[in-house]
C-alpha atoms as a PDB file:
ATOM      1  CA  UNK A   1       0.007   0.001   0.006  1.00  0.00           C
ATOM      2  CA  UNK A   2       1.526   3.373  -1.004  1.00  0.00           C
ATOM      3  CA  UNK A   3       1.586   6.486   1.208  1.00  0.00           C
ATOM      4  CA  UNK A   4      -1.447   8.136  -0.418  1.00  0.00           C
ATOM      5  CA  UNK A   5      -3.524   4.967  -0.054  1.00  0.00           C
ATOM      6  CA  UNK A   6      -2.509   4.558   3.579  1.00  0.00           C
ATOM      7  CA  UNK A   7      -3.397   8.172   4.358  1.00  0.00           C
ATOM      8  CA  UNK A   8      -6.775   7.906   2.655  1.00  0.00           C
ATOM      9  CA  UNK A   9      -7.549   4.746   4.595  1.00  0.00           C
ATOM     10  CA  UNK A  10      -6.764   6.508   7.855  1.00  0.00           C
ATOM     11  CA  UNK A  11      -8.885   9.518   6.961  1.00  0.00           C
ATOM     12  CA  UNK A  12     -11.928   7.388   6.191  1.00  0.00           C
ATOM     13  CA  UNK A  13     -12.266   6.600   9.890  1.00  0.00           C
ATOM     14  CA  UNK A  14     -11.941  10.116  11.331  1.00  0.00           C
ATOM     15  CA  UNK A  15     -15.439  10.781  12.653  1.00  0.00           C
ATOM     16  CA  UNK A  16     -17.548   8.177  14.421  1.00  0.00           C
ATOM     17  CA  UNK A  17     -20.760   9.656  15.834  1.00  0.00           C
ATOM     18  CA  UNK A  18     -23.016   7.180  17.583  1.00  0.00           C
ATOM     19  CA  UNK A  19     -25.642   7.278  14.830  1.00  0.00           C
ATOM     20  CA  UNK A  20     -23.459   6.878  11.764  1.00  0.00           C
ATOM     21  CA  UNK A  21     -19.984   7.139  10.300  1.00  0.00           C
ATOM     22  CA  UNK A  22     -19.344  10.576   8.839  1.00  0.00           C
ATOM     23  CA  UNK A  23     -16.351  12.026   7.029  1.00  0.00           C
ATOM     24  CA  UNK A  24     -15.202  15.391   8.391  1.00  0.00           C
ATOM     25  CA  UNK A  25     -12.399  15.920   5.887  1.00  0.00           C
ATOM     26  CA  UNK A  26     -12.429  17.471   2.443  1.00  0.00           C
ATOM     27  CA  UNK A  27      -9.031  16.707   1.057  1.00  0.00           C
ATOM     28  CA  UNK A  28      -7.121  17.944  -1.961  1.00  0.00           C
ATOM     29  CA  UNK A  29      -6.046  15.363  -4.494  1.00  0.00           C
ATOM     30  CA  UNK A  30      -2.390  16.333  -4.355  1.00  0.00           C
ATOM     31  CA  UNK A  31      -0.322  13.198  -4.803  1.00  0.00           C
ATOM     32  CA  UNK A  32       2.615  14.822  -3.062  1.00  0.00           C
ATOM     33  CA  UNK A  33       0.645  16.113  -0.066  1.00  0.00           C
ATOM     34  CA  UNK A  34       2.648  16.174   3.158  1.00  0.00           C
ATOM     35  CA  UNK A  35       1.526  14.420   6.315  1.00  0.00           C
ATOM     36  CA  UNK A  36       0.571  17.119   8.835  1.00  0.00           C
ATOM     37  CA  UNK A  37       1.714  14.803  11.578  1.00  0.00           C
ATOM     38  CA  UNK A  38       5.216  15.721  10.390  1.00  0.00           C
ATOM     39  CA  UNK A  39       4.409  19.348   9.664  1.00  0.00           C
ATOM     40  CA  UNK A  40       7.276  20.728  11.716  1.00  0.00           C
ATOM     41  CA  UNK A  41      10.113  18.926  13.389  1.00  0.00           C
ATOM     42  CA  UNK A  42      10.264  21.690  15.977  1.00  0.00           C
ATOM     43  CA  UNK A  43       6.648  21.305  17.122  1.00  0.00           C
ATOM     44  CA  UNK A  44       6.503  17.668  18.145  1.00  0.00           C
ATOM     45  CA  UNK A  45       7.813  18.034  21.680  1.00  0.00           C
ATOM     46  CA  UNK A  46       6.104  19.808  24.588  1.00  0.00           C
ATOM     47  CA  UNK A  47       6.953  23.513  24.771  1.00  0.00           C
ATOM     48  CA  UNK A  48       9.142  23.318  21.695  1.00  0.00           C
ATOM     49  CA  UNK A  49       9.688  26.675  20.021  1.00  0.00           C
ATOM     50  CA  UNK A  50       8.586  27.262  16.437  1.00  0.00           C
ATOM     51  CA  UNK A  51       9.456  29.956  13.988  1.00  0.00           C
ATOM     52  CA  UNK A  52       6.642  31.847  12.283  1.00  0.00           C
ATOM     53  CA  UNK A  53       7.731  30.694   8.830  1.00  0.00           C
ATOM     54  CA  UNK A  54       7.065  27.048   9.668  1.00  0.00           C
ATOM     55  CA  UNK A  55       3.930  27.467  11.723  1.00  0.00           C
ATOM     56  CA  UNK A  56       2.278  29.876   9.300  1.00  0.00           C
ATOM     57  CA  UNK A  57       2.375  27.100   6.685  1.00  0.00           C
ATOM     58  CA  UNK A  58       1.031  24.547   9.118  1.00  0.00           C
ATOM     59  CA  UNK A  59      -2.484  25.904   9.684  1.00  0.00           C
ATOM     60  CA  UNK A  60      -3.664  25.739   6.051  1.00  0.00           C
ATOM     61  CA  UNK A  61      -2.413  22.143   5.912  1.00  0.00           C
ATOM     62  CA  UNK A  62      -4.262  21.239   9.094  1.00  0.00           C
ATOM     63  CA  UNK A  63      -7.456  22.883   7.837  1.00  0.00           C
ATOM     64  CA  UNK A  64      -7.783  19.998   5.394  1.00  0.00           C
ATOM     65  CA  UNK A  65      -8.532  17.865   8.436  1.00  0.00           C
ATOM     66  CA  UNK A  66     -11.108  20.254   9.890  1.00  0.00           C
ATOM     67  CA  UNK A  67     -14.040  18.703  11.779  1.00  0.00           C
ATOM     68  CA  UNK A  68     -17.584  19.952  12.231  1.00  0.00           C
ATOM     69  CA  UNK A  69     -18.394  19.546  15.933  1.00  0.00           C
ATOM     70  CA  UNK A  70     -21.517  20.142  17.997  1.00  0.00           C
ATOM     71  CA  UNK A  71     -21.926  20.203  21.758  1.00  0.00           C
ATOM     72  CA  UNK A  72     -23.996  17.421  23.269  1.00  0.00           C
ATOM     73  CA  UNK A  73     -26.799  18.779  25.463  1.00  0.00           C
ATOM     74  CA  UNK A  74     -27.087  15.428  27.225  1.00  0.00           C
ATOM     75  CA  UNK A  75     -23.567  15.813  28.674  1.00  0.00           C
ATOM     76  CA  UNK A  76     -23.740  19.461  29.794  1.00  0.00           C
ATOM     77  CA  UNK A  77     -23.494  20.324  33.471  1.00  0.00           C
ATOM     78  CA  UNK A  78     -26.528  22.236  34.720  1.00  0.00           C
ATOM     79  CA  UNK A  79     -24.602  25.498  35.198  1.00  0.00           C
ATOM     80  CA  UNK A  80     -23.793  25.536  31.501  1.00  0.00           C
ATOM     81  CA  UNK A  81     -25.972  27.082  28.791  1.00  0.00           C
ATOM     82  CA  UNK A  82     -25.595  26.054  25.141  1.00  0.00           C
ATOM     83  CA  UNK A  83     -26.284  28.480  22.292  1.00  0.00           C
ATOM     84  CA  UNK A  84     -25.490  29.298  18.657  1.00  0.00           C
ATOM     85  CA  UNK A  85     -26.673  25.928  17.397  1.00  0.00           C
ATOM     86  CA  UNK A  86     -24.908  24.085  20.225  1.00  0.00           C
ATOM     87  CA  UNK A  87     -21.551  25.557  19.253  1.00  0.00           C
ATOM     88  CA  UNK A  88     -21.106  27.870  22.261  1.00  0.00           C
ATOM     89  CA  UNK A  89     -21.169  27.052  25.967  1.00  0.00           C
ATOM     90  CA  UNK A  90     -21.467  29.674  28.699  1.00  0.00           C
ATOM     91  CA  UNK A  91     -21.206  29.325  32.458  1.00  0.00           C
ATOM     92  CA  UNK A  92     -24.368  30.698  34.108  1.00  0.00           C
ATOM     93  CA  UNK A  93     -25.239  31.347  37.749  1.00  0.00           C
ATOM     94  CA  UNK A  94     -28.711  29.794  37.645  1.00  0.00           C
ATOM     95  CA  UNK A  95     -28.873  26.074  36.987  1.00  0.00           C
ATOM     96  CA  UNK A  96     -30.425  25.022  33.697  1.00  0.00           C
ATOM     97  CA  UNK A  97     -33.320  22.531  34.088  1.00  0.00           C
ATOM     98  CA  UNK A  98     -31.721  19.827  31.977  1.00  0.00           C
ATOM     99  CA  UNK A  99     -33.375  16.422  32.417  1.00  0.00           C
ATOM    100  CA  UNK A 100     -31.462  13.635  34.099  1.00  0.00           C
ATOM    101  CA  UNK A 101     -29.263  11.705  31.713  1.00  0.00           C
ATOM    102  CA  UNK A 102     -26.631   9.016  32.336  1.00  0.00           C
ATOM    103  CA  UNK A 103     -24.078  10.950  30.259  1.00  0.00           C
ATOM    104  CA  UNK A 104     -24.541  14.277  32.050  1.00  0.00           C
ATOM    105  CA  UNK A 105     -21.737  15.678  34.205  1.00  0.00           C
ATOM    106  CA  UNK A 106     -23.502  16.074  37.540  1.00  0.00           C
ATOM    107  CA  UNK A 107     -21.126  18.235  39.605  1.00  0.00           C
ATOM    108  CA  UNK A 108     -18.467  19.509  37.198  1.00  0.00           C
ATOM    109  CA  UNK A 109     -19.181  22.362  34.758  1.00  0.00           C
ATOM    110  CA  UNK A 110     -18.212  20.393  31.677  1.00  0.00           C
ATOM    111  CA  UNK A 111     -19.649  19.369  28.303  1.00  0.00           C
ATOM    112  CA  UNK A 112     -18.574  16.976  25.528  1.00  0.00           C
ATOM    113  CA  UNK A 113     -19.249  17.069  21.808  1.00  0.00           C
ATOM    114  CA  UNK A 114     -21.479  14.557  20.042  1.00  0.00           C
ATOM    115  CA  UNK A 115     -18.759  13.367  17.701  1.00  0.00           C
ATOM    116  CA  UNK A 116     -16.248  10.701  18.616  1.00  0.00           C
ATOM    117  CA  UNK A 117     -12.922  10.991  16.763  1.00  0.00           C
ATOM    118  CA  UNK A 118     -10.737   8.066  15.823  1.00  0.00           C
ATOM    119  CA  UNK A 119      -8.566   9.309  12.976  1.00  0.00           C
ATOM    120  CA  UNK A 120      -6.922  12.606  12.020  1.00  0.00           C
ATOM    121  CA  UNK A 121      -8.906  15.713  12.840  1.00  0.00           C
ATOM    122  CA  UNK A 122      -8.345  19.402  13.527  1.00  0.00           C
ATOM    123  CA  UNK A 123     -10.624  21.895  15.274  1.00  0.00           C
ATOM    124  CA  UNK A 124     -10.404  25.293  16.943  1.00  0.00           C
ATOM    125  CA  UNK A 125     -12.110  26.765  19.993  1.00  0.00           C
ATOM    126  CA  UNK A 126     -12.025  30.254  21.480  1.00  0.00           C
ATOM    127  CA  UNK A 127     -12.554  30.978  25.155  1.00  0.00           C
ATOM    128  CA  UNK A 128     -13.368  34.204  26.944  1.00  0.00           C
ATOM    129  CA  UNK A 129     -13.638  35.280  30.558  1.00  0.00           C
ATOM    130  CA  UNK A 130     -11.731  33.787  33.473  1.00  0.00           C
ATOM    131  CA  UNK A 131     -10.686  30.547  31.812  1.00  0.00           C
ATOM    132  CA  UNK A 132     -11.565  27.140  30.412  1.00  0.00           C
ATOM    133  CA  UNK A 133     -10.338  23.606  29.804  1.00  0.00           C
ATOM    134  CA  UNK A 134      -9.957  22.577  26.159  1.00  0.00           C
ATOM    135  CA  UNK A 135     -10.035  18.797  26.276  1.00  0.00           C
ATOM    136  CA  UNK A 136     -10.789  15.388  24.822  1.00  0.00           C
ATOM    137  CA  UNK A 137     -12.138  12.370  26.685  1.00  0.00           C
ATOM    138  CA  UNK A 138     -13.220   8.798  26.199  1.00  0.00           C
ATOM    139  CA  UNK A 139     -16.954   8.284  26.361  1.00  0.00           C
ATOM    140  CA  UNK A 140     -16.312   5.993  29.311  1.00  0.00           C
ATOM    141  CA  UNK A 141     -15.199   8.885  31.556  1.00  0.00           C
ATOM    142  CA  UNK A 142     -17.169   8.992  34.811  1.00  0.00           C
ATOM    143  CA  UNK A 143     -20.021  11.534  34.962  1.00  0.00           C
ATOM    144  CA  UNK A 144     -21.415  11.361  38.509  1.00  0.00           C
ATOM    145  CA  UNK A 145     -19.765  12.659  41.651  1.00  0.00           C
ATOM    146  CA  UNK A 146     -17.092  15.252  42.294  1.00  0.00           C
ATOM    147  CA  UNK A 147     -13.971  13.085  42.166  1.00  0.00           C
ATOM    148  CA  UNK A 148     -11.068  13.447  39.758  1.00  0.00           C
ATOM    149  CA  UNK A 149     -12.498  10.490  37.836  1.00  0.00           C
ATOM    150  CA  UNK A 150     -14.992  12.952  36.325  1.00  0.00           C
ATOM    151  CA  UNK A 151     -12.722  15.977  35.856  1.00  0.00           C
ATOM    152  CA  UNK A 152     -11.221  16.568  32.410  1.00  0.00           C
ATOM    153  CA  UNK A 153      -7.468  16.005  32.431  1.00  0.00           C
ATOM    154  CA  UNK A 154      -7.381  14.550  35.951  1.00  0.00           C
ATOM    155  CA  UNK A 155      -7.727  10.872  35.040  1.00  0.00           C
ATOM    156  CA  UNK A 156      -6.528   8.301  32.517  1.00  0.00           C
ATOM    157  CA  UNK A 157      -9.594   8.808  30.317  1.00  0.00           C
ATOM    158  CA  UNK A 158      -9.070  12.460  29.388  1.00  0.00           C
ATOM    159  CA  UNK A 159      -6.475  15.002  28.251  1.00  0.00           C
ATOM    160  CA  UNK A 160      -6.808  18.783  28.639  1.00  0.00           C
ATOM    161  CA  UNK A 161      -5.201  22.169  28.239  1.00  0.00           C
ATOM    162  CA  UNK A 162      -6.168  24.543  31.048  1.00  0.00           C
ATOM    163  CA  UNK A 163      -6.310  28.063  29.629  1.00  0.00           C
ATOM    164  CA  UNK A 164      -6.403  30.938  32.072  1.00  0.00           C
ATOM    165  CA  UNK A 165      -4.245  33.893  33.069  1.00  0.00           C
ATOM    166  CA  UNK A 166      -5.818  33.642  36.538  1.00  0.00           C
ATOM    167  CA  UNK A 167      -3.953  30.543  37.702  1.00  0.00           C
ATOM    168  CA  UNK A 168      -1.488  30.830  40.578  1.00  0.00           C
ATOM    169  CA  UNK A 169       1.498  30.589  38.235  1.00  0.00           C
ATOM    170  CA  UNK A 170      -0.031  32.785  35.534  1.00  0.00           C
ATOM    171  CA  UNK A 171       0.596  30.055  32.974  1.00  0.00           C
ATOM    172  CA  UNK A 172      -1.439  27.464  31.085  1.00  0.00           C
ATOM    173  CA  UNK A 173      -1.330  23.821  32.115  1.00  0.00           C
ATOM    174  CA  UNK A 174      -1.477  20.572  30.129  1.00  0.00           C
ATOM    175  CA  UNK A 175      -3.039  17.762  32.184  1.00  0.00           C
ATOM    176  CA  UNK A 176      -3.494  14.004  31.897  1.00  0.00           C
ATOM    177  CA  UNK A 177      -4.095  11.451  34.638  1.00  0.00           C
ATOM    178  CA  UNK A 178      -3.613  14.164  37.281  1.00  0.00           C
ATOM    179  CA  UNK A 179      -0.152  15.041  36.016  1.00  0.00           C
ATOM    180  CA  UNK A 180       0.343  18.584  34.762  1.00  0.00           C
ATOM    181  CA  UNK A 181       2.903  20.531  32.768  1.00  0.00           C
ATOM    182  CA  UNK A 182       3.028  24.327  33.047  1.00  0.00           C
ATOM    183  CA  UNK A 183       3.079  26.139  29.710  1.00  0.00           C
ATOM    184  CA  UNK A 184       3.691  29.861  29.137  1.00  0.00           C
ATOM    185  CA  UNK A 185       0.539  31.730  28.169  1.00  0.00           C
ATOM    186  CA  UNK A 186       0.598  32.831  24.495  1.00  0.00           C
ATOM    187  CA  UNK A 187       2.659  35.971  24.021  1.00  0.00           C
ATOM    188  CA  UNK A 188       0.165  37.075  21.372  1.00  0.00           C
ATOM    189  CA  UNK A 189      -2.605  37.179  23.981  1.00  0.00           C
ATOM    190  CA  UNK A 190      -4.756  34.989  21.735  1.00  0.00           C
ATOM    191  CA  UNK A 191      -7.527  33.007  23.387  1.00  0.00           C
ATOM    192  CA  UNK A 192      -8.087  30.787  20.352  1.00  0.00           C
ATOM    193  CA  UNK A 193      -6.773  27.221  20.589  1.00  0.00           C
ATOM    194  CA  UNK A 194      -6.205  24.800  17.724  1.00  0.00           C
ATOM    195  CA  UNK A 195      -6.278  21.066  18.438  1.00  0.00           C
ATOM    196  CA  UNK A 196      -4.887  18.416  16.092  1.00  0.00           C
ATOM    197  CA  UNK A 197      -5.563  14.769  16.840  1.00  0.00           C
ATOM    198  CA  UNK A 198      -3.728  11.988  15.033  1.00  0.00           C
ATOM    199  CA  UNK A 199      -5.454   9.060  16.714  1.00  0.00           C
ATOM    200  CA  UNK A 200      -3.595   6.259  14.860  1.00  0.00           C
ATOM    201  CA  UNK A 201      -0.215   7.843  15.663  1.00  0.00           C
ATOM    202  CA  UNK A 202      -1.187   8.481  19.288  1.00  0.00           C
ATOM    203  CA  UNK A 203      -0.601  12.236  19.323  1.00  0.00           C
ATOM    204  CA  UNK A 204      -2.781  15.115  20.523  1.00  0.00           C
ATOM    205  CA  UNK A 205      -1.365  18.592  19.909  1.00  0.00           C
ATOM    206  CA  UNK A 206      -2.505  21.998  21.124  1.00  0.00           C
ATOM    207  CA  UNK A 207      -1.652  25.298  19.417  1.00  0.00           C
ATOM    208  CA  UNK A 208      -2.261  28.955  20.070  1.00  0.00           C
ATOM    209  CA  UNK A 209      -3.925  30.438  16.980  1.00  0.00           C
ATOM    210  CA  UNK A 210      -3.385  34.017  15.855  1.00  0.00           C
ATOM    211  CA  UNK A 211      -4.571  34.676  12.284  1.00  0.00           C
ATOM    212  CA  UNK A 212      -2.844  31.928  10.290  1.00  0.00           C
ATOM    213  CA  UNK A 213       0.008  31.587  12.767  1.00  0.00           C
ATOM    214  CA  UNK A 214       0.087  28.453  14.888  1.00  0.00           C
ATOM    215  CA  UNK A 215       2.323  28.416  17.967  1.00  0.00           C
ATOM    216  CA  UNK A 216       2.834  24.983  19.472  1.00  0.00           C
ATOM    217  CA  UNK A 217       1.911  24.696  23.139  1.00  0.00           C
ATOM    218  CA  UNK A 218       1.935  21.001  24.024  1.00  0.00           C
ATOM    219  CA  UNK A 219       1.703  17.507  22.544  1.00  0.00           C
ATOM    220  CA  UNK A 220       0.452  14.448  24.418  1.00  0.00           C
ATOM    221  CA  UNK A 221       1.684  11.013  23.370  1.00  0.00           C
ATOM    222  CA  UNK A 222      -0.495   8.006  24.112  1.00  0.00           C
ATOM    223  CA  UNK A 223      -1.890   4.753  22.744  1.00  0.00           C
ATOM    224  CA  UNK A 224      -5.553   5.631  22.384  1.00  0.00           C
ATOM    225  CA  UNK A 225      -7.994   2.774  22.856  1.00  0.00           C
ATOM    226  CA  UNK A 226     -11.375   4.455  22.288  1.00  0.00           C
ATOM    227  CA  UNK A 227     -12.752   7.286  20.121  1.00  0.00           C
ATOM    228  CA  UNK A 228     -12.033  10.672  21.675  1.00  0.00           C
ATOM    229  CA  UNK A 229     -14.769  13.236  22.287  1.00  0.00           C
ATOM    230  CA  UNK A 230     -13.772  16.934  22.306  1.00  0.00           C
ATOM    231  CA  UNK A 231     -15.043  18.747  25.374  1.00  0.00           C
ATOM    232  CA  UNK A 232     -14.738  21.805  27.576  1.00  0.00           C
ATOM    233  CA  UNK A 233     -14.655  22.720  31.227  1.00  0.00           C
ATOM    234  CA  UNK A 234     -15.904  26.275  31.734  1.00  0.00           C
ATOM    235  CA  UNK A 235     -14.975  28.562  34.606  1.00  0.00           C
ATOM    236  CA  UNK A 236     -17.324  31.062  36.244  1.00  0.00           C
ATOM    237  CA  UNK A 237     -18.023  34.142  34.073  1.00  0.00           C
ATOM    238  CA  UNK A 238     -16.560  32.358  31.049  1.00  0.00           C
ATOM    239  CA  UNK A 239     -17.576  30.833  27.735  1.00  0.00           C
ATOM    240  CA  UNK A 240     -16.116  28.678  24.956  1.00  0.00           C
ATOM    241  CA  UNK A 241     -17.095  28.704  21.276  1.00  0.00           C
ATOM    242  CA  UNK A 242     -16.330  26.171  18.563  1.00  0.00           C
ATOM    243  CA  UNK A 243     -14.865  28.132  15.663  1.00  0.00           C
ATOM    244  CA  UNK A 244     -16.240  27.835  12.134  1.00  0.00           C
ATOM    245  CA  UNK A 245     -13.232  26.811  10.046  1.00  0.00           C
ATOM    246  CA  UNK A 246     -14.663  24.596   7.275  1.00  0.00           C
END
């Protein structure tokens, strides 16, 4: 099997919603197309620096893997309000009267998307306010109770980037299984985050997005065993929006 055939086979399995298999990638037919998993040798390690020449070329390449995502009302904590066609989540003071559901986060202010990802996919989210977690999780993550088993990034079923200038250290934090790595907040001041998942390769990368400039923040390396669901944890007086990039 040649490289193009292998890549096409991997892309065919990118999106796996519960109801059906959908393709979230519109791909050019370039026979010499590069693999975005190797888009920059300087951006594959946590906190690695990147020059603007390399990262400015990376975003258009990753946009070919862009996913259409929607927030799942059945998972939203009751202090979260969904709007804009379930593409924006806002923390509210008054609890929303969501019905009971086994997939709902009961005590944590979190929400997952409907789509489970198991291939290559890229998406962007923009937060505002005090802060937010940009994350992915297995569907099997715990939902009830206030333990770390339910909190995005604090267990072996989820990975997250905590984005807030209000933390004690004033930096961002990448978290998985209750281990965290401090990351400098973007010098650009951008609150838009790009996420690139290469599920078969076992990499999950976070970038600060400013125009068409991607600045690498952190990459997780893992052997994923289930589809990953993008999700968010939202702080008080904060919101997160899925960006329209397709």
